C-alpha cells in the first residue's frame, strides 16, 4: 500500500513540485510551473484518482504578449486503471 495520509478510510498522497523549463534559446525564455497533486487510492495502485493543480508563469510571454497570457492555471483530473 502506498505511503500517504488516511482520508475516509482510503490512503491518499500529495505531491508539490516546482518545474522550471529553461531552454536558453533567447533571453528570458524561462517557464516555471508550481504543481500540487493529490492521489486517492481506491483499490491500491490498480485504481486511483489523480488531481493536479498547475500554476504557470512565463517571463518570455510577459515580454511578448502576442503568445498569450504570461500567468495561467490548470486543473487536471485523471482516473488510473491497471488491468
N, C-alpha and C. Protein backbone atom coordinates (compact mmCIF):
# COMPACT_ATOMS: atom_id res chain seq x y z
N UNK A 1 0.85 -1.17 0.00
CA UNK A 1 0.00 0.00 0.00
C UNK A 1 0.89 1.24 0.00
N UNK A 2 0.58 2.27 -0.79
CA UNK A 2 1.42 3.45 -0.89
C UNK A 2 1.41 4.28 0.39
N UNK A 3 2.52 5.00 0.61
CA UNK A 3 2.59 5.92 1.75
C UNK A 3 1.67 7.10 1.50
N UNK A 4 1.21 7.71 2.56
CA UNK A 4 0.37 8.90 2.41
C UNK A 4 -0.45 9.13 3.66
N UNK A 5 -1.46 9.93 3.55
CA UNK A 5 -2.34 10.22 4.66
C UNK A 5 -3.62 9.41 4.50
N UNK A 6 -4.33 9.20 5.58
CA UNK A 6 -5.58 8.45 5.51
C UNK A 6 -6.73 9.44 5.42
N UNK A 7 -7.55 9.26 4.42
CA UNK A 7 -8.67 10.14 4.15
C UNK A 7 -9.89 9.28 3.86
N UNK A 8 -10.87 9.27 4.74
CA UNK A 8 -12.10 8.49 4.60
C UNK A 8 -11.75 7.00 4.40
N UNK A 9 -10.91 6.49 5.27
CA UNK A 9 -10.52 5.08 5.28
C UNK A 9 -9.85 4.62 3.98
N UNK A 10 -9.38 5.54 3.15
CA UNK A 10 -8.66 5.19 1.94
C UNK A 10 -7.33 5.94 1.97
N UNK A 11 -6.24 5.32 1.55
CA UNK A 11 -4.97 6.05 1.53
C UNK A 11 -4.95 7.10 0.42
N UNK A 12 -4.32 8.21 0.71
CA UNK A 12 -4.18 9.29 -0.25
C UNK A 12 -2.76 9.84 -0.14
N UNK A 13 -2.31 10.52 -1.16
CA UNK A 13 -0.98 11.12 -1.14
C UNK A 13 -1.01 12.47 -1.82
N UNK A 14 -0.05 13.31 -1.46
CA UNK A 14 0.05 14.62 -2.11
C UNK A 14 1.46 14.80 -2.64
N UNK A 15 1.60 15.73 -3.59
CA UNK A 15 2.87 15.90 -4.26
C UNK A 15 3.02 17.33 -4.73
N UNK A 16 3.79 18.17 -4.02
CA UNK A 16 4.09 19.52 -4.54
C UNK A 16 5.36 19.47 -5.40
N UNK A 17 5.39 20.24 -6.48
CA UNK A 17 6.57 20.28 -7.36
C UNK A 17 6.76 21.69 -7.92
N UNK A 18 8.01 22.04 -8.16
CA UNK A 18 8.35 23.25 -8.93
C UNK A 18 9.08 22.76 -10.17
N UNK A 19 8.57 23.10 -11.35
CA UNK A 19 9.13 22.60 -12.60
C UNK A 19 9.62 23.77 -13.46
N UNK A 20 10.92 24.05 -13.45
CA UNK A 20 11.43 25.10 -14.33
C UNK A 20 11.79 24.54 -15.71
N UNK A 21 11.50 25.29 -16.75
CA UNK A 21 11.93 24.97 -18.11
C UNK A 21 12.77 26.14 -18.58
N UNK A 22 14.04 25.89 -18.82
CA UNK A 22 14.97 26.94 -19.19
C UNK A 22 15.70 26.56 -20.48
N UNK A 23 15.07 26.73 -21.63
CA UNK A 23 15.69 26.32 -22.89
C UNK A 23 16.87 27.18 -23.31
N UNK A 24 16.98 28.42 -22.83
CA UNK A 24 18.08 29.34 -23.15
C UNK A 24 18.29 29.53 -24.65
N UNK A 25 17.19 29.59 -25.40
CA UNK A 25 17.30 29.88 -26.83
C UNK A 25 17.32 31.38 -27.08
N UNK A 26 16.58 32.14 -26.27
CA UNK A 26 16.57 33.60 -26.32
C UNK A 26 16.56 34.10 -24.87
N UNK A 27 16.82 35.39 -24.67
CA UNK A 27 16.81 35.96 -23.32
C UNK A 27 15.42 35.84 -22.70
N UNK A 28 15.39 35.51 -21.42
CA UNK A 28 14.15 35.43 -20.65
C UNK A 28 13.10 34.51 -21.27
N UNK A 29 13.52 33.34 -21.74
CA UNK A 29 12.56 32.38 -22.30
C UNK A 29 12.17 31.30 -21.29
N UNK A 30 12.40 31.55 -20.02
CA UNK A 30 12.10 30.57 -18.98
C UNK A 30 10.60 30.48 -18.70
N UNK A 31 10.17 29.27 -18.38
CA UNK A 31 8.79 29.00 -17.98
C UNK A 31 8.87 28.24 -16.66
N UNK A 32 8.06 28.64 -15.68
CA UNK A 32 8.04 27.98 -14.38
C UNK A 32 6.63 27.53 -14.07
N UNK A 33 6.53 26.37 -13.44
CA UNK A 33 5.22 25.84 -13.02
C UNK A 33 5.31 25.34 -11.58
N UNK A 34 4.30 25.65 -10.81
CA UNK A 34 4.11 25.08 -9.48
C UNK A 34 2.94 24.11 -9.57
N UNK A 35 3.15 22.90 -9.10
CA UNK A 35 2.13 21.86 -9.20
C UNK A 35 1.81 21.32 -7.81
N UNK A 36 0.54 21.13 -7.54
CA UNK A 36 0.10 20.42 -6.35
C UNK A 36 -0.77 19.28 -6.82
N UNK A 37 -0.35 18.07 -6.52
CA UNK A 37 -1.10 16.90 -6.95
C UNK A 37 -1.62 16.11 -5.77
N UNK A 38 -2.80 15.55 -5.92
CA UNK A 38 -3.40 14.68 -4.92
C UNK A 38 -3.78 13.36 -5.58
N UNK A 39 -3.43 12.26 -4.92
CA UNK A 39 -3.79 10.93 -5.39
C UNK A 39 -4.71 10.30 -4.36
N UNK A 40 -5.79 9.68 -4.82
CA UNK A 40 -6.73 8.98 -3.97
C UNK A 40 -6.75 7.53 -4.43
N UNK A 41 -6.24 6.62 -3.60
CA UNK A 41 -6.10 5.22 -3.97
C UNK A 41 -7.39 4.47 -3.62
N UNK A 42 -8.14 4.08 -4.63
CA UNK A 42 -9.42 3.41 -4.45
C UNK A 42 -9.21 1.92 -4.18
N UNK A 43 -8.34 1.30 -4.98
CA UNK A 43 -8.01 -0.13 -4.83
C UNK A 43 -6.51 -0.29 -5.03
N UNK A 44 -5.75 0.15 -4.02
CA UNK A 44 -4.29 0.11 -4.13
C UNK A 44 -3.82 0.97 -5.30
N UNK A 45 -2.77 0.51 -5.97
CA UNK A 45 -2.27 1.24 -7.13
C UNK A 45 -3.02 0.87 -8.41
N UNK A 46 -3.90 -0.14 -8.34
CA UNK A 46 -4.61 -0.60 -9.52
C UNK A 46 -5.71 0.37 -9.97
N UNK A 47 -6.37 1.03 -9.02
CA UNK A 47 -7.40 2.03 -9.34
C UNK A 47 -7.14 3.24 -8.46
N UNK A 48 -6.84 4.34 -9.09
CA UNK A 48 -6.63 5.57 -8.31
C UNK A 48 -7.12 6.78 -9.09
N UNK A 49 -7.52 7.79 -8.35
CA UNK A 49 -7.98 9.05 -8.90
C UNK A 49 -6.89 10.08 -8.63
N UNK A 50 -6.47 10.79 -9.66
CA UNK A 50 -5.39 11.76 -9.54
C UNK A 50 -5.89 13.14 -9.96
N UNK A 51 -5.54 14.15 -9.17
CA UNK A 51 -5.91 15.53 -9.47
C UNK A 51 -4.67 16.41 -9.33
N UNK A 52 -4.45 17.28 -10.29
CA UNK A 52 -3.31 18.20 -10.27
C UNK A 52 -3.80 19.62 -10.50
N UNK A 53 -3.27 20.54 -9.71
CA UNK A 53 -3.45 21.97 -9.93
C UNK A 53 -2.10 22.51 -10.35
N UNK A 54 -2.04 23.23 -11.48
CA UNK A 54 -0.79 23.75 -12.03
C UNK A 54 -0.92 25.26 -12.23
N UNK A 55 -0.01 26.02 -11.64
CA UNK A 55 0.08 27.46 -11.89
C UNK A 55 1.38 27.68 -12.67
N UNK A 56 1.29 28.31 -13.83
CA UNK A 56 2.44 28.52 -14.72
C UNK A 56 2.62 30.00 -14.99
N UNK A 57 3.89 30.43 -15.01
CA UNK A 57 4.20 31.80 -15.40
C UNK A 57 5.42 31.80 -16.30
N UNK A 58 5.44 32.79 -17.21
CA UNK A 58 6.47 32.84 -18.24
C UNK A 58 6.96 34.27 -18.42
N UNK A 59 8.25 34.47 -18.23
CA UNK A 59 8.82 35.80 -18.47
C UNK A 59 8.87 36.10 -19.97
N UNK A 60 9.02 35.08 -20.78
CA UNK A 60 9.02 35.27 -22.23
C UNK A 60 7.67 35.79 -22.69
N UNK A 61 6.58 35.18 -22.21
CA UNK A 61 5.24 35.63 -22.60
C UNK A 61 4.93 37.01 -22.01
N UNK A 62 5.52 37.32 -20.87
CA UNK A 62 5.34 38.66 -20.30
C UNK A 62 5.97 39.71 -21.22
N UNK A 63 7.12 39.39 -21.79
CA UNK A 63 7.80 40.30 -22.70
C UNK A 63 7.20 40.28 -24.11
N UNK A 64 6.50 39.18 -24.47
CA UNK A 64 5.90 39.02 -25.80
C UNK A 64 4.44 38.62 -25.64
N UNK A 65 3.54 39.55 -25.34
CA UNK A 65 2.14 39.20 -25.05
C UNK A 65 1.38 38.59 -26.22
N UNK A 66 1.90 38.68 -27.44
CA UNK A 66 1.22 38.08 -28.59
C UNK A 66 1.18 36.54 -28.49
N UNK A 67 1.99 35.95 -27.61
CA UNK A 67 2.00 34.50 -27.45
C UNK A 67 1.00 34.02 -26.40
N UNK A 68 0.28 34.92 -25.76
CA UNK A 68 -0.74 34.53 -24.79
C UNK A 68 -0.44 35.04 -23.40
N UNK A 69 -1.29 34.63 -22.47
CA UNK A 69 -1.16 35.07 -21.08
C UNK A 69 0.16 34.61 -20.49
N UNK A 70 0.75 35.48 -19.66
CA UNK A 70 2.02 35.12 -19.03
C UNK A 70 1.81 34.33 -17.73
N UNK A 71 0.62 34.34 -17.16
CA UNK A 71 0.26 33.54 -15.98
C UNK A 71 -1.04 32.80 -16.29
N UNK A 72 -1.06 31.51 -16.01
CA UNK A 72 -2.30 30.77 -16.20
C UNK A 72 -2.34 29.57 -15.26
N UNK A 73 -3.55 29.08 -15.02
CA UNK A 73 -3.80 27.97 -14.11
C UNK A 73 -4.50 26.84 -14.85
N UNK A 74 -4.24 25.62 -14.41
CA UNK A 74 -4.88 24.43 -14.98
C UNK A 74 -5.27 23.49 -13.85
N UNK A 75 -6.35 22.75 -14.06
CA UNK A 75 -6.72 21.65 -13.18
C UNK A 75 -6.84 20.42 -14.07
N UNK A 76 -6.13 19.37 -13.70
CA UNK A 76 -6.10 18.13 -14.50
C UNK A 76 -6.60 16.99 -13.61
N UNK A 77 -7.60 16.25 -14.08
CA UNK A 77 -8.15 15.10 -13.37
C UNK A 77 -7.92 13.84 -14.21
N UNK A 78 -7.49 12.76 -13.54
CA UNK A 78 -7.25 11.50 -14.24
C UNK A 78 -7.75 10.33 -13.39
N UNK A 79 -8.23 9.31 -14.07
CA UNK A 79 -8.58 8.06 -13.42
C UNK A 79 -7.61 7.02 -13.97
N UNK A 80 -6.86 6.38 -13.08
CA UNK A 80 -5.81 5.45 -13.46
C UNK A 80 -6.33 4.03 -13.19
N UNK A 81 -6.40 3.20 -14.23
CA UNK A 81 -6.83 1.81 -14.11
C UNK A 81 -5.74 0.89 -14.64
N UNK A 82 -5.36 -0.08 -13.85
CA UNK A 82 -4.40 -1.09 -14.31
C UNK A 82 -5.11 -2.43 -14.37
N UNK A 83 -4.93 -3.13 -15.48
CA UNK A 83 -5.55 -4.45 -15.60
C UNK A 83 -4.60 -5.39 -16.31
